[in-house]
Protein backbone atom coordinates (compact mmCIF):
# COMPACT_ATOMS: atom_id res chain seq x y z
CA MET A 1 0.00 0.00 0.00
CA GLY A 2 1.23 3.51 -0.70
CA TYR A 3 1.76 6.32 1.77
CA GLY A 4 1.80 9.77 0.23
CA GLU A 5 3.53 10.35 -3.10
CA LEU A 6 7.13 9.64 -2.15
CA ILE A 7 7.07 6.82 0.43
CA ALA A 8 5.60 3.37 -0.24
CA ILE A 9 4.50 1.05 2.57
CA GLU A 10 4.34 -2.74 2.18
CA TYR A 11 3.66 -5.70 4.48
CA HIS A 12 5.04 -9.17 3.85
CA ALA A 13 3.52 -12.19 5.60
CA ASP A 14 5.30 -14.61 3.26
CA LEU A 15 9.09 -14.48 3.65
CA LYS A 16 9.46 -16.00 0.18
CA GLU A 17 8.14 -12.66 -1.08
CA VAL A 18 10.90 -10.95 0.87
CA GLN A 19 13.50 -13.22 -0.72
CA LEU A 20 12.17 -12.40 -4.21
CA ASP A 21 12.12 -8.65 -3.56
CA ALA A 22 15.62 -7.62 -4.69
CA ARG A 23 15.73 -4.42 -2.67
CA LEU A 24 14.39 -5.89 0.56
CA SER A 25 16.46 -9.04 0.20
CA ALA A 26 19.57 -6.88 -0.20
CA LEU A 27 18.65 -4.93 2.95
CA LEU A 28 18.45 -8.17 4.98
CA SER A 29 21.64 -9.68 3.51
CA PRO A 30 25.07 -10.11 5.14
CA ALA A 31 26.36 -7.30 2.92
CA GLN A 32 24.15 -4.82 4.80
CA GLN A 33 23.53 -6.48 8.17
CA HIS A 34 26.48 -7.65 10.25
CA ALA A 35 24.65 -9.41 13.07
CA PRO A 36 22.68 -12.67 12.74
CA PHE A 37 19.49 -11.26 14.27
CA ASP A 38 19.11 -8.73 11.45
CA ARG A 39 19.21 -11.07 8.47
CA LEU A 40 16.59 -12.83 6.40
CA ASP A 41 17.85 -16.33 7.23
CA TRP A 42 17.33 -15.61 10.96
CA LEU A 43 13.77 -14.43 10.32
CA GLN A 44 13.09 -17.48 8.16
CA GLY A 45 14.30 -19.72 10.98
CA LEU A 46 11.90 -18.05 13.41
CA ALA A 47 9.00 -18.58 11.00
CA THR A 48 9.73 -22.20 10.06
CA SER A 49 11.31 -23.63 13.23
CA CYS A 50 9.51 -21.60 15.90
CA ASN A 51 6.02 -21.47 14.38
CA MET A 52 5.85 -17.68 14.26
CA GLU A 53 3.57 -15.75 11.92
CA PRO A 54 5.78 -13.02 10.41
CA ILE A 55 4.66 -9.70 9.05
CA VAL A 56 7.62 -7.68 7.84
CA ALA A 57 6.54 -4.04 7.64
CA THR A 58 8.56 -1.93 5.19
CA ALA A 59 8.73 1.64 3.98
CA HIS A 60 10.82 2.87 1.07
CA ASP A 61 11.39 5.83 -1.16
CA ASP A 62 13.57 6.20 -4.23
CA GLU A 63 16.78 6.17 -2.20
CA SER A 64 16.33 4.08 0.93
CA ILE A 65 14.33 1.38 2.69
CA ILE A 66 13.52 0.38 6.26
CA ALA A 67 12.07 -2.86 7.63
CA LEU A 68 10.42 -3.63 10.96
CA PRO A 69 10.14 -7.43 11.38
CA LEU A 70 6.95 -8.11 13.35
CA ARG A 71 4.80 -11.13 14.13
CA ARG A 72 1.22 -11.76 15.10
CA SER A 73 0.91 -12.66 18.79
CA ASP A 74 -2.40 -12.99 20.60
CA ASN A 75 -4.42 -10.03 19.38
CA HIS A 76 -1.65 -7.57 18.48
CA LEU A 77 1.78 -7.28 16.86
CA THR A 78 5.11 -7.97 18.57
CA SER A 79 8.74 -8.11 17.53
CA LEU A 80 9.75 -11.06 15.34
CA ALA A 81 12.24 -12.45 17.84
CA ASN A 82 12.68 -15.29 20.31
CA TYR A 83 14.74 -16.72 23.16
CA TYR A 84 17.90 -16.68 21.02
CA THR A 85 17.59 -13.06 19.83
CA PHE A 86 20.11 -10.73 21.52
CA ARG A 87 18.30 -7.56 20.46
CA PHE A 88 15.57 -6.24 18.18
CA ARG A 89 15.73 -3.06 16.10
CA PRO A 90 14.44 -1.51 12.87
CA LEU A 91 16.61 -2.53 9.92
CA THR A 92 18.00 0.21 7.70
CA MET A 93 20.53 0.71 4.96
CA GLN A 94 23.99 1.75 6.07
CA ASP A 95 24.52 5.54 6.18
CA SER A 96 20.82 6.29 5.65
CA ASP A 97 18.51 8.51 7.72
CA PRO A 98 15.45 6.39 8.62
CA LYS A 99 13.37 9.03 10.45
CA ALA A 100 10.98 9.93 7.63
CA LEU A 101 10.50 6.31 6.53
CA LEU A 102 9.86 5.07 10.06
CA GLY A 103 7.49 7.97 10.71
CA ALA A 104 5.45 7.03 7.65
CA LEU A 105 5.42 3.39 8.70
CA ALA A 106 4.28 4.30 12.23
CA ARG A 107 1.36 6.29 10.82
CA ASP A 108 0.35 3.53 8.46
CA LEU A 109 0.50 0.84 11.17
CA ALA A 110 -2.30 2.66 13.02
CA ASP A 111 -4.67 1.15 10.45
CA LYS A 112 -3.30 -2.36 10.99
CA THR A 113 -3.31 -2.89 14.77
CA HIS A 114 -4.21 -1.26 18.06
CA ARG A 115 -1.00 -2.27 19.86
CA ILE A 116 2.63 -3.14 19.11
CA THR A 117 5.05 -4.59 21.68
CA LEU A 118 8.77 -4.47 20.93
CA LYS A 119 11.12 -6.21 23.37
CA GLY A 120 14.90 -6.18 23.70
CA VAL A 121 15.46 -2.89 21.86
CA PRO A 122 18.95 -1.33 22.22
CA ASP A 123 19.65 2.38 22.48
CA GLU A 124 23.44 2.52 22.20
CA ASP A 125 22.72 2.78 18.47
CA GLY A 126 19.69 5.05 19.00
CA SER A 127 17.09 2.41 18.05
CA ALA A 128 14.86 2.74 21.14
CA SER A 129 14.76 6.54 20.91
CA LEU A 130 14.17 6.41 17.14
CA LEU A 131 11.19 4.08 17.56
CA GLU A 132 9.79 5.95 20.55
CA ASN A 133 9.89 9.32 18.80
CA ALA A 134 8.52 8.00 15.50
CA PHE A 135 5.48 6.38 17.10
CA ARG A 136 4.83 9.27 19.53
CA ASN A 137 4.92 11.76 16.66
CA ALA A 138 2.50 9.52 14.75
CA GLY A 139 -0.05 9.78 17.58
CA TRP A 140 0.67 6.55 19.47
CA THR A 141 1.12 6.30 23.23
CA VAL A 142 4.55 4.78 23.91
CA ILE A 143 5.59 3.28 27.24
CA ARG A 144 9.33 2.62 27.43
CA GLU A 145 10.86 0.55 30.23
CA GLN A 146 14.13 -1.31 30.69
CA CYS A 147 13.47 -5.04 30.39
CA ASP A 148 16.92 -6.66 30.27
CA TYR A 149 20.71 -6.30 30.31
CA ASN A 150 23.36 -6.90 27.67
CA HIS A 151 26.91 -7.63 28.86
CA VAL A 152 29.72 -6.80 26.43
CA LEU A 153 33.52 -6.68 26.34
CA PRO A 154 35.19 -3.91 24.30
CA LEU A 155 38.76 -5.08 23.61
CA ASN A 156 40.24 -1.71 22.65
CA GLY A 157 43.13 -3.41 20.88
CA ARG A 158 44.10 -5.72 23.75
CA SER A 159 45.58 -9.17 23.23
CA TRP A 160 44.33 -12.25 25.06
CA GLU A 161 47.21 -12.05 27.54
CA GLU A 162 46.48 -8.41 28.30
CA TYR A 163 42.79 -9.14 28.80
CA PHE A 164 43.45 -12.31 30.82
CA ALA A 165 45.68 -10.40 33.25
CA LYS A 166 42.69 -8.22 34.27
CA LEU A 167 40.25 -11.09 34.92
CA PRO A 168 39.26 -11.81 38.54
CA GLY A 169 42.04 -13.66 40.34
CA LYS A 170 39.87 -16.63 41.26
CA LEU A 171 38.84 -17.10 37.61
CA ARG A 172 42.44 -16.88 36.39
CA THR A 173 43.52 -19.49 38.93
CA THR A 174 40.69 -21.82 37.91
CA ILE A 175 41.56 -21.55 34.22
CA LYS A 176 45.27 -22.26 34.82
CA ARG A 177 44.69 -25.16 37.22
CA LYS A 178 41.77 -26.89 35.53
CA GLY A 179 43.11 -26.23 32.04
CA LYS A 180 45.74 -28.92 32.63
CA LYS A 181 42.96 -31.53 32.84
CA VAL A 182 40.66 -30.32 30.07
CA ASP A 183 41.33 -30.34 26.30
CA CYS A 184 39.56 -27.85 24.02
CA ARG A 185 38.95 -27.78 20.30
CA ILE A 186 37.30 -25.06 18.23
CA ILE A 187 35.43 -25.92 15.04
CA GLU A 188 34.83 -23.23 12.41
CA ARG A 189 32.77 -25.31 9.97
CA PHE A 190 29.63 -27.20 10.91
CA ASP A 191 30.37 -30.78 11.96
CA GLU A 192 27.51 -33.20 12.65
CA ASP A 193 29.49 -35.24 15.21
CA ALA A 194 30.40 -32.12 17.15
CA TRP A 195 26.77 -31.00 17.01
CA ARG A 196 25.60 -34.31 18.45
CA SER A 197 28.12 -33.79 21.27
CA TYR A 198 26.59 -30.36 21.95
CA GLU A 199 23.09 -31.85 22.13
CA ALA A 200 24.21 -34.68 24.45
CA ILE A 201 26.05 -32.24 26.74
CA TYR A 202 23.11 -29.84 26.85
CA ALA A 203 20.76 -32.70 27.75
CA GLN A 204 22.94 -33.51 30.78
CA SER A 205 23.50 -29.93 31.90
CA TRP A 206 21.76 -27.67 34.38
CA LYS A 207 20.18 -25.73 31.52
CA PRO A 208 16.40 -25.67 30.87
CA GLU A 209 14.97 -27.47 27.87
CA GLU A 210 16.25 -25.95 24.62
CA GLY A 211 13.89 -23.33 23.15
CA SER A 212 14.07 -24.84 19.66
CA ILE A 213 16.87 -27.25 18.86
CA GLU A 214 15.73 -27.28 15.22
CA PHE A 215 16.20 -23.51 14.99
CA LEU A 216 19.64 -23.66 16.60
CA HIS A 217 20.77 -26.56 14.40
CA ARG A 218 19.73 -24.67 11.27
CA PHE A 219 21.49 -21.53 12.49
CA ALA A 220 24.73 -23.39 13.27
CA GLU A 221 24.71 -25.01 9.82
CA GLN A 222 24.23 -21.66 8.09
CA GLU A 223 26.92 -19.93 10.11
CA GLY A 224 29.28 -22.85 9.52
CA GLU A 225 28.77 -22.63 5.76
CA ALA A 226 29.57 -18.90 5.92
CA GLY A 227 32.69 -19.46 8.06
CA ARG A 228 31.26 -17.48 10.98
CA LEU A 229 30.74 -20.40 13.40
CA ARG A 230 33.00 -21.02 16.38
CA LEU A 231 31.79 -24.24 18.02
CA GLY A 232 33.89 -25.07 21.07
CA ILE A 233 34.06 -28.55 22.59
CA ALA A 234 35.90 -29.42 25.83
CA SER A 235 36.79 -32.98 26.74
CA ALA A 236 38.45 -34.90 29.58
CA ASP A 237 39.54 -38.56 29.62
CA GLY A 238 38.14 -39.03 26.11
CA GLU A 239 34.64 -37.72 26.94
CA ASP A 240 33.14 -34.46 25.66
CA ILE A 241 32.02 -32.55 28.74
CA ALA A 242 31.31 -28.95 27.65
CA ALA A 243 30.20 -27.14 24.50
CA GLN A 244 29.69 -23.53 23.46
CA ILE A 245 28.27 -21.93 20.32
CA TRP A 246 29.82 -18.63 19.28
CA THR A 247 29.74 -16.75 15.97
CA VAL A 248 32.07 -14.05 14.65
CA GLU A 249 31.34 -11.28 12.15
CA GLY A 250 31.72 -7.57 11.67
CA GLY A 251 34.38 -7.36 14.37
CA THR A 252 32.09 -8.85 17.03
CA ALA A 253 32.03 -12.29 18.66
CA TYR A 254 28.54 -13.37 19.78
CA ILE A 255 28.22 -15.95 22.58
CA HIS A 256 24.98 -17.81 21.83
CA LYS A 257 24.87 -20.97 23.93
CA LEU A 258 26.97 -22.75 26.52
CA ALA A 259 26.56 -25.91 28.55
CA TYR A 260 28.56 -28.52 30.42
CA ARG A 261 27.75 -31.91 31.87
CA SER A 262 26.71 -31.49 35.50
CA SER A 263 28.80 -34.54 36.35
CA ALA A 264 31.95 -32.65 35.22
CA HIS A 265 31.36 -29.60 37.42
CA SER A 266 34.53 -30.17 39.46
CA LEU A 267 36.67 -29.71 36.33
CA SER A 268 35.22 -26.23 35.62
CA PRO A 269 34.97 -27.12 31.91
CA GLY A 270 32.82 -24.10 31.12
CA SER A 271 35.46 -21.66 32.34
CA VAL A 272 38.29 -23.50 30.60
CA LEU A 273 36.39 -23.68 27.30
CA SER A 274 35.35 -20.02 27.54
CA ALA A 275 39.00 -19.07 27.98
CA ALA A 276 39.95 -21.04 24.85
CA LEU A 277 37.24 -19.33 22.81
CA PHE A 278 38.09 -15.86 24.14
CA ARG A 279 41.72 -16.46 23.21
CA HIS A 280 40.68 -17.61 19.72
CA VAL A 281 38.39 -14.69 18.88
CA ILE A 282 40.74 -12.10 20.39
CA ASP A 283 44.08 -13.27 18.99
CA GLN A 284 43.01 -15.02 15.77
CA ASP A 285 39.75 -13.38 14.72
CA LYS A 286 40.89 -9.98 16.03
CA VAL A 287 37.39 -8.95 17.18
CA GLN A 288 36.84 -5.54 18.75
CA LEU A 289 33.83 -6.60 20.86
CA VAL A 290 32.51 -9.72 22.56
CA ASP A 291 28.72 -9.78 23.11
CA TYR A 292 27.36 -12.11 25.82
CA GLY A 293 23.72 -11.59 24.91
CA THR A 294 20.96 -10.87 27.39
CA GLY A 295 20.64 -11.68 31.09
CA ASP A 296 22.42 -10.47 34.22
CA ASP A 297 24.07 -13.73 35.26
CA GLY A 298 27.00 -13.46 37.66
CA TYR A 299 29.36 -15.43 35.44
CA LYS A 300 28.86 -12.89 32.65
CA ARG A 301 30.06 -10.10 34.95
CA ASP A 302 33.31 -12.05 35.50
CA TRP A 303 34.14 -11.95 31.78
CA MET A 304 32.49 -8.73 30.58
CA GLU A 305 33.32 -5.12 31.41
CA GLU A 306 30.28 -3.10 30.28
CA VAL A 307 26.51 -3.46 30.61
CA ARG A 308 24.03 -2.00 28.14
CA PRO A 309 20.27 -1.72 28.79
CA ARG A 310 17.61 -3.39 26.66
CA TYR A 311 14.19 -1.77 26.47
CA LEU A 312 10.57 -2.81 26.14
CA LEU A 313 8.46 -0.45 24.04
CA ASP A 314 4.72 -0.97 24.52
CA ILE A 315 3.01 1.08 21.82
CA PHE A 316 -0.75 1.80 22.03
CA ARG A 317 -3.31 3.55 19.87
CA PRO A 318 -4.89 5.65 22.64
CA THR A 319 -8.29 5.88 20.91
CA SER A 320 -8.76 2.10 20.74
CA PRO A 321 -11.10 0.69 23.45
CA LYS A 322 -8.95 -2.48 23.42
CA ASN A 323 -6.14 -0.47 25.01
CA TRP A 324 -8.01 1.25 27.81
CA ILE A 325 -7.63 -1.57 30.34
CA PRO A 326 -3.88 -2.26 29.70
CA LEU A 327 -3.15 1.49 29.72
CA ALA A 328 -5.03 1.88 33.01
CA LYS A 329 -3.09 -1.03 34.53
CA THR A 330 0.19 0.49 33.38
CA GLY A 331 -0.75 3.83 34.92
CA LEU A 332 -1.62 2.21 38.25
CA ARG A 333 1.62 0.21 38.23
CA ARG A 334 3.67 3.34 37.65
CA LEU A 335 1.83 5.20 40.39
CA ALA A 336 2.55 2.34 42.79
CA GLY A 337 6.21 2.40 41.80
CA ASN A 338 6.45 6.16 42.31
CA SER A 339 4.81 5.93 45.75
CA LYS A 340 7.31 3.26 46.85
CA ARG A 341 10.23 5.42 45.74
CA GLY A 342 8.70 8.39 47.52
């Protein structure tokens, strides 16, 4: 559907359409997007392996294009993302100004839904503020709250040895002592035997049931084919006891999954394997940043040096009767929070 004379708005529920649209496909390609969560193959995995109903909202003019990957959830729209997604943001062309396009899209979406919920939005790149302003200016009510944490490690040119020297003393001692008993290997291309080891280790770990092993398997295969996979396996006495899934691209190493057999806890295989992978991505891949995803786990604070907020944007059409009850509840919750702080 068109919006005005210069900006066109389109909605894609079939990701095959996206793949056949040369401009949109280029926007969601590795040439433009340097993080897995921003690419078409990630969105396709969510649709096919996680049973999500996508609706990719786009706006474009003669020079640029923007996409907001959404999905149908309950009775409104939410971000097309899942348990494995580190962060969600609008997708734009490099070096483009998306304000006008996103503003047009926000106005047009008012005819499509009464509510949009976007979770895990970053603001170190301005995404949360961009979305908040665009929807507010288009007449929506936007409630923005922090919903999660993202731990990262900027290397600033350091080598592994320089970084290792600043780790907590207890962690350094553990790595040196236990590393004598644990062997580590790092696989850069997908290997089915190594993947089966990961699945077996995860099944015997303290971790909850995998969100979608089919999705993760597909992702690991794709990243392996592209040379971005770093699959670490730790073993002791001939048995694989720990596994971690990392990927590397655009100067960033992403830590996706980690697990170790609970029976091998005394060997600290997770710490030893993490050290091997940190050494690899720092000294061999020469990354500038390591991203540990979402969550505020204590072990992440041992390895990471900075914390970035992730935001929830709950976006309401204020004139819709469907929103009066949730808006009233939000208002009461905020009043209660203010009274406690007072």
